[in-house]
Amino acid sequence: MKCFLHIGTEKTATTTLQRFLHLNREKFAACGFLLPKNVCYPYNHKLPILAYNNSRRDDLTNINGIYTEKHLIQFQEKIKEGIKTEITKSNQPTILFSSEHIQSRLTEIDEIERLKTTFEDLGVDDFTIIVYLRDPVEIAGSLYSTSIINGHIISTPPPPQNPYFNNICNHKNTLIKFESVFGKDNLKVRIFDKEEFKHGSIIDDFLDAIDMPLTSDLILPDNQNEGLSHLGLELLRRVNKKVPMFIDNELNPVRADIVNYFKKIFNDEKYVIPKNTFLEYESEFKESNE
């Protein structure tokens, strides 16, 4: 069985692509693609947890009620059995996953190897890893914007040495890790730039990467993850201080639909990171970018 595994990176229109896959699920099925539902479809947030070691805990495990080693093992077995059942019922020759968390959460070689072994146990013997690489400076600004939208209160993007930001922005490191597990010939590396996209479209480019023909009857999604202006981010950051996203690990109902309100009002300009931060990221990843 063939597997296309789209691993991100974060801030490269993954949400748009996942919505596109969802809207055209039946058309993909007609072309021989299985889009499994047992991994938190269509965003596949549960997928990286399949590769977690027994002691790992993070926000993904918390969201899924995984607090002990026993919980994790049971969760992993349930997901694997669910995918196996879908494979058997569909009888499709190709399975397709899209999850930016594969790149951002699976940071160790042994985790990536564990994911590969899991897929092999499910019958996959042919892998294609698709990854989009974006200018780290743009990633930093977009990640910062997302962090404020998600309720954080940091005043500027963190420095490029920040472990989370560094992992996503260090493209050389990403390619070395995934190449070491899946092999160089099984990586399809694309540049996240409209000038580089096939026909100037991320969707056309993605379809080209998975060898699926572009047809006029495919449904296109609306733009996802619209950003906020500098003023919008700063105002929301101050709101986050007074009205936090979570209280006692539960969503704060007082916030209601405030983020969507901000997106409607403060979308007149694109946030640009401070010049000193821009220069830090440009210097830190110069060699990796090359």
Foldseek 3Di string as FASTA:
>chain_A
DEEEEEQEAPPLQLVQLLVLCVQCVVVVLVVQEDQAPLQPPPQSLNLLLLLDDLPDDDPSCVVVVNDHSVSSVVSNVVSLVSVLVSCVVSVGPYYYHHYNCNQQPQQDLSSLLSSVVSVVVSPHDHAAYEYEAEQLQVVQQLVLQVVLLQLAQDDARDACVPVRSVSSNLVLSSLVSNCVRNNPVRYDYFYSDLVRADVSDPNNRVCVSVVHDDDPPRDGDDRPDQGFEPVLSNVSSVVSVVQPQDDPNHGRCVCPPVSVVSSVVGRPDGYHGDPVRSVRSCVVRVVSVD
